[in-house]
PDB file of N, CA and C in Angstrom:
ATOM      1  N   MET A   1     -30.267  65.653  -2.217  1.00  0.00           N
ATOM      2  CA  MET A   1     -29.743  65.830  -0.880  1.00  0.00           C
ATOM      3  C   MET A   1     -28.254  66.110  -0.999  1.00  0.00           C
ATOM      4  N   VAL A   2     -27.826  67.073  -0.231  1.00  0.00           N
ATOM      5  CA  VAL A   2     -26.450  67.523  -0.301  1.00  0.00           C
ATOM      6  C   VAL A   2     -25.845  67.482   1.099  1.00  0.00           C
ATOM      7  N   HIS A   3     -24.589  67.099   1.181  1.00  0.00           N
ATOM      8  CA  HIS A   3     -23.894  67.051   2.466  1.00  0.00           C
ATOM      9  C   HIS A   3     -23.734  68.460   3.018  1.00  0.00           C
ATOM     10  N   VAL A   4     -23.775  68.581   4.317  1.00  0.00           N
ATOM     11  CA  VAL A   4     -23.684  69.882   4.981  1.00  0.00           C
ATOM     12  C   VAL A   4     -22.406  70.628   4.596  1.00  0.00           C
ATOM     13  N   GLU A   5     -21.310  69.919   4.377  1.00  0.00           N
ATOM     14  CA  GLU A   5     -20.061  70.581   3.988  1.00  0.00           C
ATOM     15  C   GLU A   5     -20.189  71.255   2.619  1.00  0.00           C
ATOM     16  N   HIS A   6     -20.928  70.633   1.713  1.00  0.00           N
ATOM     17  CA  HIS A   6     -21.117  71.223   0.389  1.00  0.00           C
ATOM     18  C   HIS A   6     -22.054  72.435   0.461  1.00  0.00           C
ATOM     19  N   ILE A   7     -23.020  72.387   1.354  1.00  0.00           N
ATOM     20  CA  ILE A   7     -23.890  73.551   1.549  1.00  0.00           C
ATOM     21  C   ILE A   7     -23.062  74.708   2.122  1.00  0.00           C
ATOM     22  N   ALA A   8     -22.158  74.393   3.041  1.00  0.00           N
ATOM     23  CA  ALA A   8     -21.292  75.433   3.600  1.00  0.00           C
ATOM     24  C   ALA A   8     -20.451  76.072   2.496  1.00  0.00           C
ATOM     25  N   GLU A   9     -19.927  75.263   1.577  1.00  0.00           N
ATOM     26  CA  GLU A   9     -19.161  75.802   0.453  1.00  0.00           C
ATOM     27  C   GLU A   9     -20.031  76.724  -0.406  1.00  0.00           C
ATOM     28  N   LEU A  10     -21.280  76.350  -0.609  1.00  0.00           N
ATOM     29  CA  LEU A  10     -22.191  77.187  -1.379  1.00  0.00           C
ATOM     30  C   LEU A  10     -22.432  78.527  -0.674  1.00  0.00           C
ATOM     31  N   TYR A  11     -22.642  78.497   0.633  1.00  0.00           N
ATOM     32  CA  TYR A  11     -22.847  79.736   1.385  1.00  0.00           C
ATOM     33  C   TYR A  11     -21.642  80.662   1.245  1.00  0.00           C
ATOM     34  N   VAL A  12     -20.444  80.100   1.371  1.00  0.00           N
ATOM     35  CA  VAL A  12     -19.231  80.916   1.249  1.00  0.00           C
ATOM     36  C   VAL A  12     -19.141  81.521  -0.144  1.00  0.00           C
ATOM     37  N   ALA A  13     -19.418  80.714  -1.175  1.00  0.00           N
ATOM     38  CA  ALA A  13     -19.378  81.223  -2.549  1.00  0.00           C
ATOM     39  C   ALA A  13     -20.440  82.299  -2.763  1.00  0.00           C
ATOM     40  N   ALA A  14     -21.626  82.098  -2.201  1.00  0.00           N
ATOM     41  CA  ALA A  14     -22.715  83.070  -2.377  1.00  0.00           C
ATOM     42  C   ALA A  14     -22.396  84.400  -1.694  1.00  0.00           C
ATOM     43  N   LEU A  15     -21.631  84.361  -0.619  1.00  0.00           N
ATOM     44  CA  LEU A  15     -21.256  85.600   0.064  1.00  0.00           C
ATOM     45  C   LEU A  15     -20.425  86.514  -0.835  1.00  0.00           C
ATOM     46  N   GLY A  16     -19.695  85.917  -1.771  1.00  0.00           N
ATOM     47  CA  GLY A  16     -18.884  86.706  -2.686  1.00  0.00           C
ATOM     48  C   GLY A  16     -19.593  87.076  -3.973  1.00  0.00           C
ATOM     49  N   ALA A  17     -20.827  86.647  -4.120  1.00  0.00           N
ATOM     50  CA  ALA A  17     -21.597  86.918  -5.339  1.00  0.00           C
ATOM     51  C   ALA A  17     -22.291  88.273  -5.230  1.00  0.00           C
ATOM     52  N   PRO A  18     -22.661  88.854  -6.376  1.00  0.00           N
ATOM     53  CA  PRO A  18     -23.418  90.106  -6.331  1.00  0.00           C
ATOM     54  C   PRO A  18     -24.724  89.944  -5.542  1.00  0.00           C
ATOM     55  N   ALA A  19     -25.141  91.012  -4.881  1.00  0.00           N
ATOM     56  CA  ALA A  19     -26.375  90.987  -4.090  1.00  0.00           C
ATOM     57  C   ALA A  19     -27.576  90.651  -4.970  1.00  0.00           C
ATOM     58  N   GLY A  20     -28.531  89.952  -4.403  1.00  0.00           N
ATOM     59  CA  GLY A  20     -29.777  89.658  -5.098  1.00  0.00           C
ATOM     60  C   GLY A  20     -29.834  88.285  -5.746  1.00  0.00           C
ATOM     61  N   GLY A  21     -28.737  87.558  -5.743  1.00  0.00           N
ATOM     62  CA  GLY A  21     -28.739  86.224  -6.345  1.00  0.00           C
ATOM     63  C   GLY A  21     -29.502  85.234  -5.483  1.00  0.00           C
ATOM     64  N   VAL A  22     -30.117  84.274  -6.129  1.00  0.00           N
ATOM     65  CA  VAL A  22     -30.828  83.207  -5.426  1.00  0.00           C
ATOM     66  C   VAL A  22     -30.282  81.887  -5.941  1.00  0.00           C
ATOM     67  N   TYR A  23     -29.818  81.042  -5.037  1.00  0.00           N
ATOM     68  CA  TYR A  23     -29.180  79.793  -5.429  1.00  0.00           C
ATOM     69  C   TYR A  23     -29.782  78.616  -4.665  1.00  0.00           C
ATOM     70  N   ALA A  24     -29.992  77.537  -5.370  1.00  0.00           N
ATOM     71  CA  ALA A  24     -30.526  76.323  -4.755  1.00  0.00           C
ATOM     72  C   ALA A  24     -29.372  75.364  -4.492  1.00  0.00           C
ATOM     73  N   GLY A  25     -29.214  74.978  -3.249  1.00  0.00           N
ATOM     74  CA  GLY A  25     -28.175  74.029  -2.865  1.00  0.00           C
ATOM     75  C   GLY A  25     -28.724  72.619  -2.853  1.00  0.00           C
ATOM     76  N   VAL A  26     -28.899  72.061  -4.033  1.00  0.00           N
ATOM     77  CA  VAL A  26     -29.483  70.730  -4.159  1.00  0.00           C
ATOM     78  C   VAL A  26     -28.638  69.871  -5.084  1.00  0.00           C
ATOM     79  N   ASP A  27     -28.760  68.583  -4.930  1.00  0.00           N
ATOM     80  CA  ASP A  27     -28.173  67.651  -5.884  1.00  0.00           C
ATOM     81  C   ASP A  27     -29.296  67.261  -6.832  1.00  0.00           C
ATOM     82  N   ASP A  28     -29.339  67.910  -7.975  1.00  0.00           N
ATOM     83  CA  ASP A  28     -30.423  67.655  -8.913  1.00  0.00           C
ATOM     84  C   ASP A  28     -30.121  66.493  -9.854  1.00  0.00           C
ATOM     85  N   THR A  29     -29.081  65.714  -9.541  1.00  0.00           N
ATOM     86  CA  THR A  29     -28.780  64.540 -10.355  1.00  0.00           C
ATOM     87  C   THR A  29     -29.545  63.318  -9.872  1.00  0.00           C
ATOM     88  N   GLN A  30     -30.097  63.398  -8.676  1.00  0.00           N
ATOM     89  CA  GLN A  30     -30.890  62.288  -8.147  1.00  0.00           C
ATOM     90  C   GLN A  30     -32.058  62.858  -7.362  1.00  0.00           C
ATOM     91  N   ALA A  31     -33.153  62.198  -7.435  1.00  0.00           N
ATOM     92  CA  ALA A  31     -34.350  62.665  -6.739  1.00  0.00           C
ATOM     93  C   ALA A  31     -35.112  61.461  -6.183  1.00  0.00           C
ATOM     94  N   PRO A  32     -34.650  60.938  -5.046  1.00  0.00           N
ATOM     95  CA  PRO A  32     -35.348  59.778  -4.489  1.00  0.00           C
ATOM     96  C   PRO A  32     -36.761  60.142  -4.045  1.00  0.00           C
ATOM     97  N   THR A  33     -37.665  59.215  -4.196  1.00  0.00           N
ATOM     98  CA  THR A  33     -39.038  59.413  -3.750  1.00  0.00           C
ATOM     99  C   THR A  33     -39.113  59.207  -2.243  1.00  0.00           C
ATOM    100  N   MET A  34     -40.199  59.668  -1.648  1.00  0.00           N
ATOM    101  CA  MET A  34     -40.408  59.441  -0.217  1.00  0.00           C
ATOM    102  C   MET A  34     -40.433  57.938   0.079  1.00  0.00           C
ATOM    103  N   ARG A  35     -41.004  57.166  -0.839  1.00  0.00           N
ATOM    104  CA  ARG A  35     -41.051  55.707  -0.659  1.00  0.00           C
ATOM    105  C   ARG A  35     -39.644  55.126  -0.615  1.00  0.00           C
ATOM    106  N   GLN A  36     -38.771  55.558  -1.544  1.00  0.00           N
ATOM    107  CA  GLN A  36     -37.401  55.059  -1.570  1.00  0.00           C
ATOM    108  C   GLN A  36     -36.655  55.438  -0.287  1.00  0.00           C
ATOM    109  N   ILE A  37     -36.882  56.640   0.192  1.00  0.00           N
ATOM    110  CA  ILE A  37     -36.244  57.073   1.432  1.00  0.00           C
ATOM    111  C   ILE A  37     -36.741  56.224   2.599  1.00  0.00           C
ATOM    112  N   ALA A  38     -38.045  55.992   2.678  1.00  0.00           N
ATOM    113  CA  ALA A  38     -38.613  55.167   3.750  1.00  0.00           C
ATOM    114  C   ALA A  38     -38.062  53.745   3.698  1.00  0.00           C
ATOM    115  N   GLU A  39     -37.914  53.198   2.505  1.00  0.00           N
ATOM    116  CA  GLU A  39     -37.370  51.842   2.372  1.00  0.00           C
ATOM    117  C   GLU A  39     -35.920  51.790   2.840  1.00  0.00           C
ATOM    118  N   ALA A  40     -35.123  52.797   2.483  1.00  0.00           N
ATOM    119  CA  ALA A  40     -33.720  52.826   2.904  1.00  0.00           C
ATOM    120  C   ALA A  40     -33.614  52.946   4.421  1.00  0.00           C
ATOM    121  N   VAL A  41     -34.447  53.787   5.021  1.00  0.00           N
ATOM    122  CA  VAL A  41     -34.422  53.955   6.472  1.00  0.00           C
ATOM    123  C   VAL A  41     -34.875  52.671   7.170  1.00  0.00           C
ATOM    124  N   SER A  42     -35.843  51.972   6.597  1.00  0.00           N
ATOM    125  CA  SER A  42     -36.300  50.719   7.215  1.00  0.00           C
ATOM    126  C   SER A  42     -35.179  49.678   7.207  1.00  0.00           C
ATOM    127  N   VAL A  43     -34.367  49.666   6.164  1.00  0.00           N
ATOM    128  CA  VAL A  43     -33.213  48.759   6.114  1.00  0.00           C
ATOM    129  C   VAL A  43     -32.223  49.133   7.210  1.00  0.00           C
ATOM    130  N   ALA A  44     -31.928  50.431   7.347  1.00  0.00           N
ATOM    131  CA  ALA A  44     -30.977  50.885   8.364  1.00  0.00           C
ATOM    132  C   ALA A  44     -31.431  50.527   9.768  1.00  0.00           C
ATOM    133  N   GLU A  45     -32.742  50.518   9.977  1.00  0.00           N
ATOM    134  CA  GLU A  45     -33.287  50.212  11.296  1.00  0.00           C
ATOM    135  C   GLU A  45     -33.491  48.712  11.519  1.00  0.00           C
ATOM    136  N   GLY A  46     -33.001  47.910  10.574  1.00  0.00           N
ATOM    137  CA  GLY A  46     -33.124  46.465  10.729  1.00  0.00           C
ATOM    138  C   GLY A  46     -34.521  45.942  10.473  1.00  0.00           C
ATOM    139  N   GLN A  47     -35.337  46.719   9.781  1.00  0.00           N
ATOM    140  CA  GLN A  47     -36.718  46.336   9.492  1.00  0.00           C
ATOM    141  C   GLN A  47     -36.978  46.386   7.981  1.00  0.00           C
ATOM    142  N   PRO A  48     -36.178  45.659   7.186  1.00  0.00           N
ATOM    143  CA  PRO A  48     -36.382  45.730   5.730  1.00  0.00           C
ATOM    144  C   PRO A  48     -37.774  45.263   5.331  1.00  0.00           C
ATOM    145  N   ASP A  49     -38.231  45.796   4.238  1.00  0.00           N
ATOM    146  CA  ASP A  49     -39.536  45.421   3.672  1.00  0.00           C
ATOM    147  C   ASP A  49     -40.718  45.810   4.561  1.00  0.00           C
ATOM    148  N   THR A  50     -40.558  46.809   5.410  1.00  0.00           N
ATOM    149  CA  THR A  50     -41.672  47.227   6.256  1.00  0.00           C
ATOM    150  C   THR A  50     -42.259  48.572   5.830  1.00  0.00           C
ATOM    151  N   ALA A  51     -41.618  49.263   4.908  1.00  0.00           N
ATOM    152  CA  ALA A  51     -42.170  50.530   4.421  1.00  0.00           C
ATOM    153  C   ALA A  51     -43.435  50.237   3.634  1.00  0.00           C
ATOM    154  N   SER A  52     -44.436  51.081   3.800  1.00  0.00           N
ATOM    155  CA  SER A  52     -45.678  50.873   3.072  1.00  0.00           C
ATOM    156  C   SER A  52     -46.268  52.219   2.663  1.00  0.00           C
ATOM    157  N   SER A  53     -47.170  52.166   1.719  1.00  0.00           N
ATOM    158  CA  SER A  53     -47.835  53.375   1.248  1.00  0.00           C
ATOM    159  C   SER A  53     -49.181  53.522   1.951  1.00  0.00           C
ATOM    160  N   ILE A  54     -49.619  54.771   2.050  1.00  0.00           N
ATOM    161  CA  ILE A  54     -50.941  55.048   2.588  1.00  0.00           C
ATOM    162  C   ILE A  54     -51.659  55.986   1.626  1.00  0.00           C
ATOM    163  N   THR A  55     -52.957  56.080   1.769  1.00  0.00           N
ATOM    164  CA  THR A  55     -53.735  56.966   0.899  1.00  0.00           C
ATOM    165  C   THR A  55     -53.513  58.420   1.326  1.00  0.00           C
ATOM    166  N   MET A  56     -53.858  59.342   0.447  1.00  0.00           N
ATOM    167  CA  MET A  56     -53.752  60.760   0.795  1.00  0.00           C
ATOM    168  C   MET A  56     -54.653  61.099   1.981  1.00  0.00           C
ATOM    169  N   GLU A  57     -55.805  60.457   2.055  1.00  0.00           N
ATOM    170  CA  GLU A  57     -56.697  60.697   3.199  1.00  0.00           C
ATOM    171  C   GLU A  57     -56.023  60.274   4.502  1.00  0.00           C
ATOM    172  N   GLN A  58     -55.407  59.096   4.500  1.00  0.00           N
ATOM    173  CA  GLN A  58     -54.696  58.637   5.688  1.00  0.00           C
ATOM    174  C   GLN A  58     -53.530  59.571   6.009  1.00  0.00           C
ATOM    175  N   ALA A  59     -52.804  59.995   4.974  1.00  0.00           N
ATOM    176  CA  ALA A  59     -51.675  60.905   5.183  1.00  0.00           C
ATOM    177  C   ALA A  59     -52.155  62.222   5.777  1.00  0.00           C
ATOM    178  N   GLY A  60     -53.274  62.728   5.283  1.00  0.00           N
ATOM    179  CA  GLY A  60     -53.836  63.961   5.834  1.00  0.00           C
ATOM    180  C   GLY A  60     -54.184  63.814   7.298  1.00  0.00           C
ATOM    181  N   ASN A  61     -54.730  62.676   7.669  1.00  0.00           N
ATOM    182  CA  ASN A  61     -55.066  62.426   9.072  1.00  0.00           C
ATOM    183  C   ASN A  61     -53.817  62.332   9.949  1.00  0.00           C
ATOM    184  N   GLU A  62     -52.748  61.748   9.400  1.00  0.00           N
ATOM    185  CA  GLU A  62     -51.501  61.565  10.153  1.00  0.00           C
ATOM    186  C   GLU A  62     -50.657  62.831  10.231  1.00  0.00           C
ATOM    187  N   PHE A  63     -50.524  63.529   9.085  1.00  0.00           N
ATOM    188  CA  PHE A  63     -49.561  64.617   8.977  1.00  0.00           C
ATOM    189  C   PHE A  63     -50.176  65.996   8.760  1.00  0.00           C
ATOM    190  N   GLY A  64     -51.486  66.063   8.658  1.00  0.00           N
ATOM    191  CA  GLY A  64     -52.143  67.344   8.420  1.00  0.00           C
ATOM    192  C   GLY A  64     -51.707  67.954   7.088  1.00  0.00           C
ATOM    193  N   PRO A  65     -51.557  69.270   7.028  1.00  0.00           N
ATOM    194  CA  PRO A  65     -51.215  69.940   5.772  1.00  0.00           C
ATOM    195  C   PRO A  65     -49.858  69.517   5.203  1.00  0.00           C
ATOM    196  N   LEU A  66     -48.987  68.979   6.060  1.00  0.00           N
ATOM    197  CA  LEU A  66     -47.675  68.533   5.592  1.00  0.00           C
ATOM    198  C   LEU A  66     -47.799  67.385   4.590  1.00  0.00           C
ATOM    199  N   ALA A  67     -48.882  66.638   4.658  1.00  0.00           N
ATOM    200  CA  ALA A  67     -49.086  65.514   3.735  1.00  0.00           C
ATOM    201  C   ALA A  67     -49.086  65.995   2.291  1.00  0.00           C
ATOM    202  N   ASP A  68     -49.699  67.134   2.025  1.00  0.00           N
ATOM    203  CA  ASP A  68     -49.726  67.665   0.665  1.00  0.00           C
ATOM    204  C   ASP A  68     -48.322  67.985   0.165  1.00  0.00           C
ATOM    205  N   ALA A  69     -47.474  68.504   1.040  1.00  0.00           N
ATOM    206  CA  ALA A  69     -46.101  68.825   0.642  1.00  0.00           C
ATOM    207  C   ALA A  69     -45.331  67.561   0.286  1.00  0.00           C
ATOM    208  N   PHE A  70     -45.538  66.483   1.051  1.00  0.00           N
ATOM    209  CA  PHE A  70     -44.861  65.224   0.754  1.00  0.00           C
ATOM    210  C   PHE A  70     -45.302  64.651  -0.592  1.00  0.00           C
ATOM    211  N   ALA A  71     -46.520  64.931  -0.986  1.00  0.00           N
ATOM    212  CA  ALA A  71     -47.070  64.357  -2.217  1.00  0.00           C
ATOM    213  C   ALA A  71     -46.701  65.145  -3.472  1.00  0.00           C
ATOM    214  N   LEU A  72     -46.217  66.365  -3.309  1.00  0.00           N
ATOM    215  CA  LEU A  72     -45.899  67.193  -4.469  1.00  0.00           C
ATOM    216  C   LEU A  72     -44.579  66.800  -5.117  1.00  0.00           C
ATOM    217  N   ASP A  73     -44.520  66.946  -6.413  1.00  0.00           N
ATOM    218  CA  ASP A  73     -43.282  66.767  -7.153  1.00  0.00           C
ATOM    219  C   ASP A  73     -42.741  68.171  -7.396  1.00  0.00           C
ATOM    220  N   GLN A  74     -41.705  68.537  -6.675  1.00  0.00           N
ATOM    221  CA  GLN A  74     -41.187  69.899  -6.720  1.00  0.00           C
ATOM    222  C   GLN A  74     -39.710  69.900  -7.116  1.00  0.00           C
ATOM    223  N   PRO A  75     -39.432  69.713  -8.397  1.00  0.00           N
ATOM    224  CA  PRO A  75     -38.020  69.684  -8.795  1.00  0.00           C
ATOM    225  C   PRO A  75     -37.370  71.064  -8.633  1.00  0.00           C
ATOM    226  N   ILE A  76     -36.143  71.049  -8.153  1.00  0.00           N
ATOM    227  CA  ILE A  76     -35.356  72.262  -7.974  1.00  0.00           C
ATOM    228  C   ILE A  76     -34.002  72.002  -8.628  1.00  0.00           C
ATOM    229  N   ALA A  77     -33.473  72.993  -9.316  1.00  0.00           N
ATOM    230  CA  ALA A  77     -32.196  72.829 -10.002  1.00  0.00           C
ATOM    231  C   ALA A  77     -31.125  73.721  -9.391  1.00  0.00           C
ATOM    232  N   ALA A  78     -29.905  73.240  -9.415  1.00  0.00           N
ATOM    233  CA  ALA A  78     -28.762  73.996  -8.913  1.00  0.00           C
ATOM    234  C   ALA A  78     -27.972  74.631 -10.048  1.00  0.00           C
ATOM    235  N   ALA A  79     -28.587  74.750 -11.212  1.00  0.00           N
ATOM    236  CA  ALA A  79     -27.878  75.267 -12.385  1.00  0.00           C
ATOM    237  C   ALA A  79     -27.276  76.644 -12.135  1.00  0.00           C
ATOM    238  N   GLY A  80     -27.999  77.535 -11.473  1.00  0.00           N
ATOM    239  CA  GLY A  80     -27.490  78.879 -11.199  1.00  0.00           C
ATOM    240  C   GLY A  80     -26.263  78.844 -10.305  1.00  0.00           C
ATOM    241  N   ALA A  81     -26.299  78.023  -9.263  1.00  0.00           N
ATOM    242  CA  ALA A  81     -25.153  77.913  -8.357  1.00  0.00           C
ATOM    243  C   ALA A  81     -23.947  77.332  -9.084  1.00  0.00           C
ATOM    244  N   ARG A  82     -24.197  76.372  -9.948  1.00  0.00           N
ATOM    245  CA  ARG A  82     -23.095  75.789 -10.726  1.00  0.00           C
ATOM    246  C   ARG A  82     -22.520  76.817 -11.701  1.00  0.00           C
ATOM    247  N   ARG A  83     -23.392  77.465 -12.415  1.00  0.00           N
ATOM    248  CA  ARG A  83     -22.974  78.409 -13.456  1.00  0.00           C
ATOM    249  C   ARG A  83     -22.334  79.660 -12.860  1.00  0.00           C
ATOM    250  N   ASP A  84     -23.015  80.305 -11.913  1.00  0.00           N
ATOM    251  CA  ASP A  84     -22.565  81.592 -11.399  1.00  0.00           C
ATOM    252  C   ASP A  84     -21.453  81.484 -10.365  1.00  0.00           C
ATOM    253  N   LEU A  85     -21.480  80.416  -9.579  1.00  0.00           N
ATOM    254  CA  LEU A  85     -20.551  80.310  -8.457  1.00  0.00           C
ATOM    255  C   LEU A  85     -19.521  79.200  -8.618  1.00  0.00           C
ATOM    256  N   GLY A  86     -19.677  78.380  -9.658  1.00  0.00           N
ATOM    257  CA  GLY A  86     -18.763  77.258  -9.844  1.00  0.00           C
ATOM    258  C   GLY A  86     -18.951  76.171  -8.804  1.00  0.00           C
ATOM    259  N   TRP A  87     -20.128  76.141  -8.185  1.00  0.00           N
ATOM    260  CA  TRP A  87     -20.402  75.175  -7.120  1.00  0.00           C
ATOM    261  C   TRP A  87     -20.586  73.791  -7.724  1.00  0.00           C
ATOM    262  N   ALA A  88     -19.880  72.817  -7.200  1.00  0.00           N
ATOM    263  CA  ALA A  88     -19.956  71.454  -7.725  1.00  0.00           C
ATOM    264  C   ALA A  88     -19.863  70.457  -6.576  1.00  0.00           C
ATOM    265  N   PRO A  89     -20.994  70.175  -5.923  1.00  0.00           N
ATOM    266  CA  PRO A  89     -20.948  69.216  -4.814  1.00  0.00           C
ATOM    267  C   PRO A  89     -20.615  67.822  -5.323  1.00  0.00           C
ATOM    268  N   ALA A  90     -19.902  67.077  -4.499  1.00  0.00           N
ATOM    269  CA  ALA A  90     -19.559  65.699  -4.858  1.00  0.00           C
ATOM    270  C   ALA A  90     -20.821  64.859  -4.927  1.00  0.00           C
ATOM    271  N   SER A  91     -20.854  63.960  -5.874  1.00  0.00           N
ATOM    272  CA  SER A  91     -22.001  63.069  -6.030  1.00  0.00           C
ATOM    273  C   SER A  91     -22.023  62.061  -4.883  1.00  0.00           C
ATOM    274  N   ARG A  92     -23.217  61.737  -4.415  1.00  0.00           N
ATOM    275  CA  ARG A  92     -23.393  60.788  -3.318  1.00  0.00           C
ATOM    276  C   ARG A  92     -24.503  59.814  -3.668  1.00  0.00           C
ATOM    277  N   ASN A  93     -24.460  58.651  -3.065  1.00  0.00           N
ATOM    278  CA  ASN A  93     -25.558  57.707  -3.174  1.00  0.00           C
ATOM    279  C   ASN A  93     -26.350  57.809  -1.870  1.00  0.00           C
ATOM    280  N   VAL A  94     -27.287  58.745  -1.852  1.00  0.00           N
ATOM    281  CA  VAL A  94     -28.021  59.060  -0.632  1.00  0.00           C
ATOM    282  C   VAL A  94     -28.792  57.855  -0.109  1.00  0.00           C
ATOM    283  N   LEU A  95     -29.423  57.105  -0.993  1.00  0.00           N
ATOM    284  CA  LEU A  95     -30.205  55.952  -0.531  1.00  0.00           C
ATOM    285  C   LEU A  95     -29.320  54.908   0.123  1.00  0.00           C
ATOM    286  N   ALA A  96     -28.134  54.678  -0.423  1.00  0.00           N
ATOM    287  CA  ALA A  96     -27.197  53.730   0.194  1.00  0.00           C
ATOM    288  C   ALA A  96     -26.743  54.245   1.556  1.00  0.00           C
ATOM    289  N   GLU A  97     -26.487  55.556   1.650  1.00  0.00           N
ATOM    290  CA  GLU A  97     -26.087  56.129   2.923  1.00  0.00           C
ATOM    291  C   GLU A  97     -27.196  55.988   3.967  1.00  0.00           C
ATOM    292  N   LEU A  98     -28.423  56.268   3.579  1.00  0.00           N
ATOM    293  CA  LEU A  98     -29.547  56.136   4.517  1.00  0.00           C
ATOM    294  C   LEU A  98     -29.725  54.693   4.969  1.00  0.00           C
ATOM    295  N   ALA A  99     -29.518  53.763   4.059  1.00  0.00           N
ATOM    296  CA  ALA A  99     -29.714  52.346   4.385  1.00  0.00           C
ATOM    297  C   ALA A  99     -28.663  51.818   5.349  1.00  0.00           C
ATOM    298  N   THR A 100     -27.523  52.505   5.456  1.00  0.00           N
ATOM    299  CA  THR A 100     -26.470  52.025   6.351  1.00  0.00           C
ATOM    300  C   THR A 100     -26.403  52.797   7.658  1.00  0.00           C
ATOM    301  N   GLU A 101     -27.127  53.899   7.765  1.00  0.00           N
ATOM    302  CA  GLU A 101     -27.169  54.636   9.031  1.00  0.00           C
ATOM    303  C   GLU A 101     -27.995  53.821  10.013  1.00  0.00           C
ATOM    304  N   GLY A 102     -27.735  53.951  11.273  1.00  0.00           N
ATOM    305  CA  GLY A 102     -28.556  53.177  12.167  1.00  0.00           C
ATOM    306  C   GLY A 102     -28.567  53.564  13.566  1.00  0.00           C
TER     307      GLY A 102
END
C-alpha cells in the first residue's frame, strides 16, 4: 500500500518516461494479508479480536466472484518504477496506520 502522494509522484515521473512503459505503484516491501488488514481495522473500530476467517464457500456467498480475488496471492513489484524512474516511496507501517484510524 502506497500513500496517494507517492502515487502522484509516480504519475508525474511516468509522464516524462518514454511511451509504452508500465509501472506498478506498490510498496513491495510489505504485503499484509487480508486477515492482518481486518485485524488492524477491528482495532481501529474499538473491536479488537473480532476479525475471523470464513470458508471459501461462505466468502463466495457473501462476496460473489470478488471472493476469489481476495483469496489469490498476487505479488506485484515496483522494480521497474524504481529502476527506470527513480521512484522511491517512503516506507510506512500500513497495519499500524490502519489500527489507529477510526
